[in-house]
Amino acid sequence: MSFDRSTRTEQTRSSDRAHDRRNRVVAIGSSAVVVAGLLGFGSYTLLEKSEAKERTTGSQAAQAQDSKPTEQSAQEKTKLAAEPIAGERTWDAKLLSRKHVETDVKYPMRPPVGGDHNPAWLNCDGVVYEKAVPDVNAVHSLEHGAVWVTYNGKAAGSDVDALSSRVRSTPYSLMSPYADQAGAIMLSAWGRQVTVDGADDPRVARFFARYVQGVQTPEPGAPCTGGIDG
C-alpha cells in the first residue's frame, strides 16, 4: 500500500501540532505547581513570622505585666515589715540554744520559738498540717526562717481557712493546730511571737513581711523542703 506525498505531509503536521499541545499542557501544569508551591511557602513563611512576632510580643507584655506587681509587692512588703507589731513578744536570740537532740524538749513557751530541736525539720514550703506536729521539728523550721501559724479550738473556721490560704501561697511558712496554746491564733518565728484577733488582723501581714526569712533567722537560706511531714 502507498500514500501520496500530501497525505504524509498532513499527518506529520498533525503529529507535530499534537506534540506541541502536549508540551504546552505539561509546561502550564508545571508552572501552576511551581506558583502554588511558591505561594504556599510564602504564606507559611509569613504565618510563621507573624506567630513568632506574636509570641515575642506576648512574652514581652507578660514580662512587663508581671514585673510591675512584683515590684509593688516588694515595696509593700518593705512597708509592712517596718510597721510596728503591737503585743509582740521577743526572746533574746543569744539565749535560745540550737543544739540537735534526739530526745523531747521542754520549752518555756507554747508554741516554742527556739531552743534545742530535732535534726529533722518540718517541711515548711507553704505547708498546712491538719494535725498537731512535733515541737522539736517545728522549731528546726523556725531556725531556717519559717513563720509558724498555730490555732486552737476557739479559732473561727473562716479565719483558719483564710490563714491556710495565706500559708499555702507563702514559701517558708507552715500551719498546724495547737490545742493548749494561750491564744486562739498565734504566729511564731525564731525568737518572736504574737497573738492575733483573726486572719484580717493587720499584724498578720506585718509578721509575715518581717519574719519570713527575716533578719532573726539563724540559718538564712536553709531549706524548707526535704524534711519530714509531721
Protein backbone atom coordinates (compact mmCIF):
# COMPACT_ATOMS: atom_id res chain seq x y z
CA MET A 1 0.00 0.00 0.00
CA SER A 2 1.30 3.50 -0.73
CA PHE A 3 0.43 7.06 0.33
CA ASP A 4 0.90 10.16 -1.68
CA ARG A 5 3.25 12.88 -0.51
CA SER A 6 0.49 15.33 0.52
CA THR A 7 -1.07 12.77 2.85
CA ARG A 8 2.21 12.04 4.57
CA THR A 9 2.91 15.76 4.99
CA GLU A 10 -0.51 16.39 6.60
CA GLN A 11 -0.03 13.50 9.00
CA THR A 12 3.37 14.85 10.02
CA ARG A 13 1.92 18.32 10.66
CA SER A 14 -0.91 16.86 12.75
CA SER A 15 1.55 14.87 14.82
CA ASP A 16 3.71 17.96 15.40
CA ARG A 17 0.69 20.04 16.47
CA ALA A 18 -0.42 17.34 18.94
CA HIS A 19 3.10 17.13 20.35
CA ASP A 20 3.21 20.92 20.76
CA ARG A 21 -0.16 20.90 22.57
CA ARG A 22 1.07 18.22 24.98
CA ASN A 23 4.22 20.21 25.69
CA ARG A 24 2.19 23.37 26.40
CA VAL A 25 -0.17 21.48 28.73
CA VAL A 26 2.77 19.99 30.61
CA ALA A 27 4.51 23.38 30.83
CA ILE A 28 1.36 25.13 32.07
CA GLY A 29 0.75 22.40 34.64
CA SER A 30 4.31 22.56 35.89
CA SER A 31 4.16 26.35 36.14
CA ALA A 32 0.93 26.14 38.13
CA VAL A 33 2.50 23.68 40.55
CA VAL A 34 5.56 25.91 40.99
CA VAL A 35 3.42 29.02 41.51
CA ALA A 36 1.20 27.22 44.00
CA GLY A 37 4.25 25.97 45.85
CA LEU A 38 5.76 29.44 45.98
CA LEU A 39 2.50 30.94 47.20
CA GLY A 40 2.14 28.23 49.82
CA PHE A 41 5.72 28.66 51.04
CA GLY A 42 5.31 32.42 51.11
CA SER A 43 2.09 32.13 53.12
CA TYR A 44 3.69 29.65 55.51
CA THR A 45 6.72 31.92 55.97
CA LEU A 46 4.53 34.95 56.62
CA LEU A 47 2.41 32.94 59.07
CA GLU A 48 5.50 31.72 60.92
CA LYS A 49 6.89 35.25 61.14
CA SER A 50 3.54 36.57 62.35
CA GLU A 51 3.20 33.87 65.01
CA ALA A 52 6.80 34.37 66.13
CA LYS A 53 6.21 38.11 66.43
CA GLU A 54 3.00 37.48 68.38
CA ARG A 55 4.76 35.08 70.74
CA THR A 56 7.57 37.58 71.28
CA THR A 57 5.19 40.46 71.82
CA GLY A 58 3.01 38.40 74.13
CA SER A 59 6.02 37.28 76.12
CA GLN A 60 7.29 40.83 76.45
CA ALA A 61 3.87 42.05 77.52
CA ALA A 62 3.58 39.27 80.10
CA GLN A 63 7.01 40.09 81.47
CA ALA A 64 6.14 43.77 81.70
CA GLN A 65 2.85 42.92 83.39
CA ASP A 66 4.48 40.53 85.84
CA SER A 67 7.35 42.85 86.72
CA LYS A 68 5.11 45.63 87.98
CA PRO A 69 3.18 43.57 90.58
CA THR A 70 6.47 42.05 91.75
CA GLU A 71 7.94 45.50 92.28
CA GLN A 72 4.80 46.69 94.06
CA SER A 73 4.76 43.57 96.21
CA ALA A 74 8.38 44.12 97.24
CA GLN A 75 7.62 47.74 98.11
CA GLU A 76 4.52 46.72 100.04
CA LYS A 77 6.46 44.06 101.91
CA THR A 78 9.15 46.55 102.91
CA LYS A 79 6.50 48.97 104.12
CA LEU A 80 4.66 46.30 106.12
CA ALA A 81 7.88 44.98 107.67
CA ALA A 82 8.65 48.46 109.02
CA GLU A 83 5.29 48.88 110.75
CA PRO A 84 5.01 48.07 114.48
CA ILE A 85 3.50 44.77 115.67
CA ALA A 86 1.53 45.54 118.81
CA GLY A 87 1.65 42.87 121.50
CA GLU A 88 4.65 41.08 120.01
CA ARG A 89 6.80 39.08 122.42
CA THR A 90 10.52 38.70 121.84
CA TRP A 91 13.28 36.49 123.23
CA ASP A 92 16.99 37.16 123.10
CA ALA A 93 18.31 35.01 120.28
CA LYS A 94 21.57 34.51 122.19
CA LEU A 95 19.64 32.74 124.95
CA LEU A 96 17.89 30.34 122.58
CA SER A 97 20.10 27.26 122.28
CA ARG A 98 20.35 25.50 118.94
CA LYS A 99 21.64 22.00 119.66
CA HIS A 100 20.39 19.00 117.72
CA VAL A 101 18.90 16.44 120.09
CA GLU A 102 17.10 13.14 119.61
CA THR A 103 15.03 13.47 122.80
CA ASP A 104 11.94 15.52 123.64
CA VAL A 105 12.49 19.11 124.76
CA LYS A 106 10.51 21.04 127.39
CA TYR A 107 10.15 24.57 126.05
CA PRO A 108 9.36 27.56 128.29
CA MET A 109 6.79 28.90 125.83
CA ARG A 110 3.99 27.29 123.82
CA PRO A 111 4.26 27.18 120.93
CA PRO A 112 8.06 27.30 121.19
CA VAL A 113 10.02 29.97 119.35
CA GLY A 114 13.50 28.48 119.60
CA GLY A 115 15.82 26.22 121.53
CA ASP A 116 17.28 22.76 121.10
CA HIS A 117 15.49 20.77 118.41
CA ASN A 118 15.41 17.59 116.39
CA PRO A 119 17.90 17.24 113.48
CA ALA A 120 14.94 16.86 111.07
CA TRP A 121 12.93 19.95 110.22
CA LEU A 122 9.29 20.04 109.22
CA ASN A 123 8.61 20.72 105.56
CA CYS A 124 7.59 24.36 105.59
CA ASP A 125 7.32 25.39 101.97
CA GLY A 126 3.76 26.68 102.44
CA VAL A 127 2.53 23.52 104.18
CA VAL A 128 -0.75 23.31 106.12
CA TYR A 129 -0.85 20.37 108.56
CA GLU A 130 -4.27 19.10 109.57
CA LYS A 131 -2.97 17.56 112.81
CA ALA A 132 -0.60 18.74 115.54
CA VAL A 133 3.10 18.48 114.71
CA PRO A 134 6.10 17.79 116.99
CA ASP A 135 7.52 20.93 118.59
CA VAL A 136 11.10 19.72 118.17
CA ASN A 137 10.74 19.54 114.39
CA ALA A 138 8.76 22.77 114.03
CA VAL A 139 11.44 24.68 115.95
CA HIS A 140 14.01 23.47 113.43
CA SER A 141 11.84 25.01 110.69
CA LEU A 142 11.84 28.31 112.58
CA GLU A 143 15.62 28.13 112.64
CA HIS A 144 15.50 28.05 108.83
CA GLY A 145 13.43 31.24 108.74
CA ALA A 146 9.87 29.92 108.64
CA VAL A 147 6.79 31.54 110.18
CA TRP A 148 4.58 29.06 112.06
CA VAL A 149 0.84 29.76 112.28
CA THR A 150 -0.99 27.86 115.03
CA TYR A 151 -4.60 27.83 116.23
CA ASN A 152 -6.79 26.11 118.79
CA GLY A 153 -10.47 25.19 119.00
CA LYS A 154 -11.50 28.79 119.69
CA ALA A 155 -10.40 30.00 116.26
CA ALA A 156 -13.19 30.71 113.77
CA GLY A 157 -13.35 28.35 110.80
CA SER A 158 -13.29 31.27 108.35
CA ASP A 159 -10.06 32.54 109.94
CA VAL A 160 -8.48 29.11 109.73
CA ASP A 161 -9.41 28.87 106.04
CA ALA A 162 -8.06 32.34 105.24
CA LEU A 163 -4.80 31.72 107.08
CA SER A 164 -4.43 28.34 105.39
CA SER A 165 -4.71 30.08 102.01
CA ARG A 166 -2.04 32.59 103.01
CA VAL A 167 0.33 29.88 104.20
CA ARG A 168 -0.12 27.75 101.08
CA SER A 169 0.91 30.71 98.93
CA THR A 170 3.93 31.62 101.11
CA PRO A 171 7.23 29.72 100.96
CA TYR A 172 8.92 29.36 104.36
CA SER A 173 5.69 29.10 106.31
CA LEU A 174 3.67 26.32 107.91
CA MET A 175 0.45 25.96 109.87
CA SER A 176 -0.94 23.44 112.34
CA PRO A 177 -3.42 23.12 115.21
CA TYR A 178 -2.04 23.64 118.73
CA ALA A 179 -4.58 22.71 121.39
CA ASP A 180 -3.04 24.14 124.56
CA GLN A 181 -1.76 27.49 123.35
CA ALA A 182 -2.98 30.62 125.13
CA GLY A 183 -4.48 32.49 122.17
CA ALA A 184 -6.91 31.32 119.51
CA ILE A 185 -4.48 32.24 116.71
CA MET A 186 -0.74 32.73 117.21
CA LEU A 187 2.16 33.43 114.86
CA SER A 188 5.70 32.36 115.74
CA ALA A 189 9.15 32.91 114.27
CA TRP A 190 12.58 32.32 115.81
CA GLY A 191 12.54 34.44 118.97
CA ARG A 192 9.28 36.20 118.02
CA GLN A 193 5.60 35.55 118.72
CA VAL A 194 2.27 37.38 118.62
CA THR A 195 -1.37 36.52 119.29
CA VAL A 196 -3.77 37.99 116.70
CA ASP A 197 -7.51 38.55 116.68
CA GLY A 198 -8.20 36.94 113.31
CA ALA A 199 -6.98 36.39 109.75
CA ASP A 200 -7.72 40.02 108.82
CA ASP A 201 -5.72 41.42 111.73
CA PRO A 202 -3.14 43.74 110.09
CA ARG A 203 -0.45 42.26 112.33
CA VAL A 204 -0.63 39.02 110.33
CA ALA A 205 0.65 40.68 107.15
CA ARG A 206 3.27 42.62 109.12
CA PHE A 207 4.53 39.49 110.88
CA PHE A 208 4.86 37.59 107.61
CA ALA A 209 6.56 40.51 105.88
CA ARG A 210 9.08 40.95 108.68
CA TYR A 211 9.88 37.38 109.69
CA VAL A 212 9.57 35.08 106.68
CA GLN A 213 13.32 34.59 106.09
CA GLY A 214 13.77 37.73 108.20
CA VAL A 215 16.81 39.09 109.99
CA GLN A 216 16.03 36.96 113.05
CA THR A 217 16.70 33.77 111.04
CA PRO A 218 19.70 31.85 112.47
CA GLU A 219 20.20 29.89 109.23
CA PRO A 220 19.02 32.04 106.32
CA GLY A 221 18.71 30.16 103.06
CA ALA A 222 18.48 26.74 104.74
CA PRO A 223 15.83 24.59 103.02
CA CYS A 224 12.17 24.24 103.93
CA THR A 225 11.79 21.10 101.80
CA GLY A 226 13.45 17.72 102.12
CA GLY A 227 12.43 17.42 105.78
CA ILE A 228 9.58 15.43 107.32
CA ASP A 229 5.81 15.80 107.14
CA GLY A 230 4.90 15.84 110.83
